């Protein structure tokens, strides 16, 4: 499996397996925009894009995993875990945040497996399904130097 920053040529493959993109043009725009910002990462198996994730720094200037999506045919094979672990290593800030719906038990298990801690929740994003916020400390602030 190859993990790398997505290129514009990966966009159509991502859009093809992201079921939200099929019905929401804003998701397609989001994918293209994140690729243009070099914030989108992909997992590739046998030259096929099978997952993507977005890492940015919009959450109070901390690392923020805004999206992690694995092609349905490739789930439960460790791809999401590998991609999430890759983003942990790529993150440039001492704190990394992400979130998932309370109903998304597979993501909650994945975050627990990679030692993300629950950090709170947000009501009213999806009616009746709070967003659970997760956090991982990557390094001490004392170890960061300006440069």
Foldseek 3Di string as FASTA:
>chain_A
DDKAQDAPVCLVLVLVQPVVSVPDVVVSVVSNVQSVVSQKMFDDDPNHTFKIWGWDLPPPRFIETEDTDGRPVCPPVCPSLVNVVVVLVVTPDQKYKYKDWPPPVVVVVSCVVVPWAWDAWDPDPDDPIIITMTMDGNDDPVPDDDD
